[in-house]
């Protein structure tokens, strides 16, 4: 079975109910690179890459589209 979506893992990590409706102008929280890599390792099977850094970039893109500031 597959893992939960990246957006759901990000929401849980940040402790927010949902992402921003206005990504780019409103932020719902901040997330660090260490947490991004942890989520990327969790989702590694479902992502189409074997490199943790590239997977973290995919997760960071999802975070930005949800209105999360990536540090």
C-alpha atoms as a PDB file:
ATOM      1  CA  UNK A   1       0.000   0.000   0.000  1.00  0.00           C
ATOM      2  CA  UNK A   2       1.057   3.562  -0.587  1.00  0.00           C
ATOM      3  CA  UNK A   3       1.920   6.129   2.046  1.00  0.00           C
ATOM      4  CA  UNK A   4      -0.295   9.172   2.709  1.00  0.00           C
ATOM      5  CA  UNK A   5       0.132  12.081   0.279  1.00  0.00           C
ATOM      6  CA  UNK A   6       3.041  14.477   0.811  1.00  0.00           C
ATOM      7  CA  UNK A   7       0.607  17.277   1.586  1.00  0.00           C
ATOM      8  CA  UNK A   8      -0.877  15.235   4.422  1.00  0.00           C
ATOM      9  CA  UNK A   9       2.565  14.476   5.865  1.00  0.00           C
ATOM     10  CA  UNK A  10       3.432  18.177   5.682  1.00  0.00           C
ATOM     11  CA  UNK A  11       0.199  19.145   7.429  1.00  0.00           C
ATOM     12  CA  UNK A  12       0.912  16.677  10.229  1.00  0.00           C
ATOM     13  CA  UNK A  13       4.511  17.900  10.588  1.00  0.00           C
ATOM     14  CA  UNK A  14       3.353  21.519  10.852  1.00  0.00           C
ATOM     15  CA  UNK A  15       0.295  20.802  12.972  1.00  0.00           C
ATOM     16  CA  UNK A  16      -2.057  22.766  10.722  1.00  0.00           C
ATOM     17  CA  UNK A  17      -5.510  21.794   9.511  1.00  0.00           C
ATOM     18  CA  UNK A  18      -4.967  22.758   5.869  1.00  0.00           C
ATOM     19  CA  UNK A  19      -2.638  24.643   3.570  1.00  0.00           C
ATOM     20  CA  UNK A  20      -2.987  28.253   2.530  1.00  0.00           C
ATOM     21  CA  UNK A  21      -5.627  29.170   0.002  1.00  0.00           C
ATOM     22  CA  UNK A  22      -3.315  31.908  -1.288  1.00  0.00           C
ATOM     23  CA  UNK A  23       0.083  30.259  -1.653  1.00  0.00           C
ATOM     24  CA  UNK A  24       2.813  32.780  -2.328  1.00  0.00           C
ATOM     25  CA  UNK A  25       1.108  35.565  -0.395  1.00  0.00           C
ATOM     26  CA  UNK A  26      -0.053  33.768   2.777  1.00  0.00           C
ATOM     27  CA  UNK A  27       2.044  31.313   4.750  1.00  0.00           C
ATOM     28  CA  UNK A  28       0.754  28.711   7.167  1.00  0.00           C
ATOM     29  CA  UNK A  29       4.134  27.826   8.690  1.00  0.00           C
ATOM     30  CA  UNK A  30       7.816  27.135   8.182  1.00  0.00           C
ATOM     31  CA  UNK A  31       9.592  23.853   7.663  1.00  0.00           C
ATOM     32  CA  UNK A  32      13.307  23.088   7.789  1.00  0.00           C
ATOM     33  CA  UNK A  33      15.430  21.036   5.436  1.00  0.00           C
ATOM     34  CA  UNK A  34      15.875  18.258   7.993  1.00  0.00           C
ATOM     35  CA  UNK A  35      12.104  17.748   8.230  1.00  0.00           C
ATOM     36  CA  UNK A  36      11.798  17.854   4.428  1.00  0.00           C
ATOM     37  CA  UNK A  37      14.379  15.102   4.104  1.00  0.00           C
ATOM     38  CA  UNK A  38      12.609  13.040   6.749  1.00  0.00           C
ATOM     39  CA  UNK A  39       9.334  13.279   4.806  1.00  0.00           C
ATOM     40  CA  UNK A  40      11.205  12.532   1.553  1.00  0.00           C
ATOM     41  CA  UNK A  41      12.685   9.363   3.057  1.00  0.00           C
ATOM     42  CA  UNK A  42       9.201   8.310   4.159  1.00  0.00           C
ATOM     43  CA  UNK A  43       7.783   8.841   0.643  1.00  0.00           C
ATOM     44  CA  UNK A  44      10.843   7.541  -1.248  1.00  0.00           C
ATOM     45  CA  UNK A  45       9.019   4.438  -2.543  1.00  0.00           C
ATOM     46  CA  UNK A  46       6.212   6.475  -4.099  1.00  0.00           C
ATOM     47  CA  UNK A  47       8.354   9.210  -5.672  1.00  0.00           C
ATOM     48  CA  UNK A  48      10.038   8.635  -9.014  1.00  0.00           C
ATOM     49  CA  UNK A  49      13.598   9.169  -7.768  1.00  0.00           C
ATOM     50  CA  UNK A  50      16.154   7.250  -5.739  1.00  0.00           C
ATOM     51  CA  UNK A  51      18.043  10.340  -4.539  1.00  0.00           C
ATOM     52  CA  UNK A  52      17.018  11.803  -1.160  1.00  0.00           C
ATOM     53  CA  UNK A  53      18.012  15.348  -2.176  1.00  0.00           C
ATOM     54  CA  UNK A  54      15.864  15.244  -5.302  1.00  0.00           C
ATOM     55  CA  UNK A  55      12.980  13.764  -3.316  1.00  0.00           C
ATOM     56  CA  UNK A  56      13.350  16.606  -0.797  1.00  0.00           C
ATOM     57  CA  UNK A  57      13.059  19.098  -3.690  1.00  0.00           C
ATOM     58  CA  UNK A  58       9.797  17.444  -4.744  1.00  0.00           C
ATOM     59  CA  UNK A  59       8.504  17.694  -1.171  1.00  0.00           C
ATOM     60  CA  UNK A  60       9.665  21.335  -0.973  1.00  0.00           C
ATOM     61  CA  UNK A  61       7.702  22.140  -4.138  1.00  0.00           C
ATOM     62  CA  UNK A  62       4.572  20.671  -2.620  1.00  0.00           C
ATOM     63  CA  UNK A  63       5.203  22.637   0.563  1.00  0.00           C
ATOM     64  CA  UNK A  64       5.551  25.907  -1.351  1.00  0.00           C
ATOM     65  CA  UNK A  65       2.315  25.246  -3.233  1.00  0.00           C
ATOM     66  CA  UNK A  66       0.579  24.779   0.132  1.00  0.00           C
ATOM     67  CA  UNK A  67       1.849  28.122   1.432  1.00  0.00           C
ATOM     68  CA  UNK A  68       4.611  26.697   3.631  1.00  0.00           C
ATOM     69  CA  UNK A  69       7.860  28.642   3.850  1.00  0.00           C
ATOM     70  CA  UNK A  70      10.864  26.368   3.208  1.00  0.00           C
ATOM     71  CA  UNK A  71      13.978  27.289   5.198  1.00  0.00           C
END
